[in-house]
Amino acid sequence: MYEKKGKLVENAQTQQDSSLMILSNPKGQKFEVSYTTAFIWNLFDGKHSRIDIKKKLGDLTDLSDEGLEEIIEDVISGLKKFDLLKAPLEINR
């Protein structure tokens, strides 16, 4: 299971697009992300598996299993790229 890093700073209501959230990684760098990304990131708490996350996201949308998997994989890739997610192997080090 993955585990989130960093913190939710705020939502970006001061901007025209209020559908964005701001996450901050451990280095203090801030990144604007969608509510969907923030929702998924928040579920990476070391307790929820990918299957759990897929089910929770699926309960909120009418996407196919393949569509849900694609979204989750894209979110994981982006979060890891910006140091906002610990890979399973990093957690027990």
C-alpha atoms as a PDB file:
ATOM      1  CA  MET A   1       0.000   0.000   0.000  1.00  0.00           C
ATOM      2  CA  TYR A   2       1.093   3.514  -0.718  1.00  0.00           C
ATOM      3  CA  GLU A   3       1.270   6.235   1.897  1.00  0.00           C
ATOM      4  CA  LYS A   4       0.847   9.942   1.288  1.00  0.00           C
ATOM      5  CA  LYS A   5       3.616  12.437   1.975  1.00  0.00           C
ATOM      6  CA  GLY A   6       3.267  16.139   2.551  1.00  0.00           C
ATOM      7  CA  LYS A   7       0.049  17.875   3.435  1.00  0.00           C
ATOM      8  CA  LEU A   8      -3.046  19.514   2.064  1.00  0.00           C
ATOM      9  CA  VAL A   9      -2.373  23.230   2.211  1.00  0.00           C
ATOM     10  CA  GLU A  10      -5.617  24.783   0.995  1.00  0.00           C
ATOM     11  CA  ASN A  11      -7.985  24.807  -1.857  1.00  0.00           C
ATOM     12  CA  ALA A  12      -7.277  27.294  -4.580  1.00  0.00           C
ATOM     13  CA  GLN A  13     -10.413  29.407  -4.113  1.00  0.00           C
ATOM     14  CA  THR A  14      -8.487  32.592  -4.656  1.00  0.00           C
ATOM     15  CA  GLN A  15      -8.072  31.619  -8.271  1.00  0.00           C
ATOM     16  CA  GLN A  16     -10.742  31.540 -10.937  1.00  0.00           C
ATOM     17  CA  ASP A  17     -10.817  27.741 -11.001  1.00  0.00           C
ATOM     18  CA  SER A  18     -11.968  26.734  -7.530  1.00  0.00           C
ATOM     19  CA  SER A  19     -11.864  23.047  -8.454  1.00  0.00           C
ATOM     20  CA  LEU A  20      -8.172  22.849  -7.554  1.00  0.00           C
ATOM     21  CA  MET A  21      -6.503  21.899  -4.285  1.00  0.00           C
ATOM     22  CA  ILE A  22      -2.945  22.663  -3.190  1.00  0.00           C
ATOM     23  CA  LEU A  23      -0.689  19.928  -1.824  1.00  0.00           C
ATOM     24  CA  SER A  24       2.711  20.599  -0.306  1.00  0.00           C
ATOM     25  CA  ASN A  25       5.476  17.993  -0.378  1.00  0.00           C
ATOM     26  CA  PRO A  26       7.975  17.499   2.487  1.00  0.00           C
ATOM     27  CA  LYS A  27      10.332  20.045   0.863  1.00  0.00           C
ATOM     28  CA  GLY A  28       7.603  22.695   1.023  1.00  0.00           C
ATOM     29  CA  GLN A  29       7.009  22.799  -2.719  1.00  0.00           C
ATOM     30  CA  LYS A  30       3.350  23.428  -3.537  1.00  0.00           C
ATOM     31  CA  PHE A  31       1.372  21.816  -6.329  1.00  0.00           C
ATOM     32  CA  GLU A  32      -2.121  22.512  -7.616  1.00  0.00           C
ATOM     33  CA  VAL A  33      -4.081  19.312  -8.055  1.00  0.00           C
ATOM     34  CA  SER A  34      -7.664  18.436  -8.891  1.00  0.00           C
ATOM     35  CA  TYR A  35     -10.164  17.482  -6.201  1.00  0.00           C
ATOM     36  CA  THR A  36     -10.035  13.944  -7.588  1.00  0.00           C
ATOM     37  CA  THR A  37      -6.271  13.798  -7.112  1.00  0.00           C
ATOM     38  CA  ALA A  38      -6.538  15.238  -3.591  1.00  0.00           C
ATOM     39  CA  PHE A  39      -9.316  12.741  -2.778  1.00  0.00           C
ATOM     40  CA  ILE A  40      -7.178   9.811  -3.935  1.00  0.00           C
ATOM     41  CA  TRP A  41      -4.032  11.211  -2.253  1.00  0.00           C
ATOM     42  CA  ASN A  42      -5.904  11.501   1.032  1.00  0.00           C
ATOM     43  CA  LEU A  43      -6.908   7.826   0.862  1.00  0.00           C
ATOM     44  CA  PHE A  44      -3.260   6.769   0.598  1.00  0.00           C
ATOM     45  CA  ASP A  45      -3.016   6.498   4.367  1.00  0.00           C
ATOM     46  CA  GLY A  46      -1.333   3.099   4.595  1.00  0.00           C
ATOM     47  CA  LYS A  47      -4.706   1.534   5.439  1.00  0.00           C
ATOM     48  CA  HIS A  48      -6.541   1.684   2.120  1.00  0.00           C
ATOM     49  CA  SER A  49      -5.488  -0.651  -0.675  1.00  0.00           C
ATOM     50  CA  ARG A  50      -5.758   0.268  -4.352  1.00  0.00           C
ATOM     51  CA  ILE A  51      -8.856  -1.920  -4.472  1.00  0.00           C
ATOM     52  CA  ASP A  52     -10.408   0.090  -1.609  1.00  0.00           C
ATOM     53  CA  ILE A  53      -9.571   3.359  -3.362  1.00  0.00           C
ATOM     54  CA  LYS A  54     -10.955   2.083  -6.663  1.00  0.00           C
ATOM     55  CA  LYS A  55     -14.196   1.082  -4.923  1.00  0.00           C
ATOM     56  CA  LYS A  56     -14.563   4.459  -3.166  1.00  0.00           C
ATOM     57  CA  LEU A  57     -13.881   6.340  -6.398  1.00  0.00           C
ATOM     58  CA  GLY A  58     -16.219   4.007  -8.290  1.00  0.00           C
ATOM     59  CA  ASP A  59     -18.996   4.755  -5.797  1.00  0.00           C
ATOM     60  CA  LEU A  60     -18.743   8.417  -6.808  1.00  0.00           C
ATOM     61  CA  THR A  61     -18.542   7.963 -10.578  1.00  0.00           C
ATOM     62  CA  ASP A  62     -19.909   5.797 -13.336  1.00  0.00           C
ATOM     63  CA  LEU A  63     -16.507   5.035 -14.850  1.00  0.00           C
ATOM     64  CA  SER A  64     -15.565   1.527 -15.936  1.00  0.00           C
ATOM     65  CA  ASP A  65     -13.048  -0.503 -13.951  1.00  0.00           C
ATOM     66  CA  GLU A  66     -10.480   0.222 -16.663  1.00  0.00           C
ATOM     67  CA  GLY A  67     -11.178   3.954 -16.445  1.00  0.00           C
ATOM     68  CA  LEU A  68     -10.816   3.906 -12.664  1.00  0.00           C
ATOM     69  CA  GLU A  69      -7.538   1.983 -12.898  1.00  0.00           C
ATOM     70  CA  GLU A  70      -6.202   4.475 -15.436  1.00  0.00           C
ATOM     71  CA  ILE A  71      -7.065   7.451 -13.219  1.00  0.00           C
ATOM     72  CA  ILE A  72      -5.538   5.847 -10.129  1.00  0.00           C
ATOM     73  CA  GLU A  73      -2.363   4.915 -12.023  1.00  0.00           C
ATOM     74  CA  ASP A  74      -2.040   8.457 -13.427  1.00  0.00           C
ATOM     75  CA  VAL A  75      -2.516   9.938  -9.941  1.00  0.00           C
ATOM     76  CA  ILE A  76       0.075   7.573  -8.430  1.00  0.00           C
ATOM     77  CA  SER A  77       2.569   8.462 -11.146  1.00  0.00           C
ATOM     78  CA  GLY A  78       2.100  12.209 -10.636  1.00  0.00           C
ATOM     79  CA  LEU A  79       2.196  12.033  -6.841  1.00  0.00           C
ATOM     80  CA  LYS A  80       5.411  10.016  -6.892  1.00  0.00           C
ATOM     81  CA  LYS A  81       6.970  12.427  -9.399  1.00  0.00           C
ATOM     82  CA  PHE A  82       6.403  15.361  -7.035  1.00  0.00           C
ATOM     83  CA  ASP A  83       7.383  13.503  -3.840  1.00  0.00           C
ATOM     84  CA  LEU A  84       3.821  13.351  -2.491  1.00  0.00           C
ATOM     85  CA  LEU A  85       3.617   9.574  -2.179  1.00  0.00           C
ATOM     86  CA  LYS A  86       5.731   6.891  -0.519  1.00  0.00           C
ATOM     87  CA  ALA A  87       6.026   3.698  -2.507  1.00  0.00           C
ATOM     88  CA  PRO A  88       5.261   0.505  -0.594  1.00  0.00           C
ATOM     89  CA  LEU A  89       8.959  -0.381  -0.342  1.00  0.00           C
ATOM     90  CA  GLU A  90       9.830   3.020   1.209  1.00  0.00           C
ATOM     91  CA  ILE A  91       7.328   2.678   4.063  1.00  0.00           C
ATOM     92  CA  ASN A  92       9.154  -0.083   5.933  1.00  0.00           C
ATOM     93  CA  ARG A  93      12.662   1.347   5.567  1.00  0.00           C
END
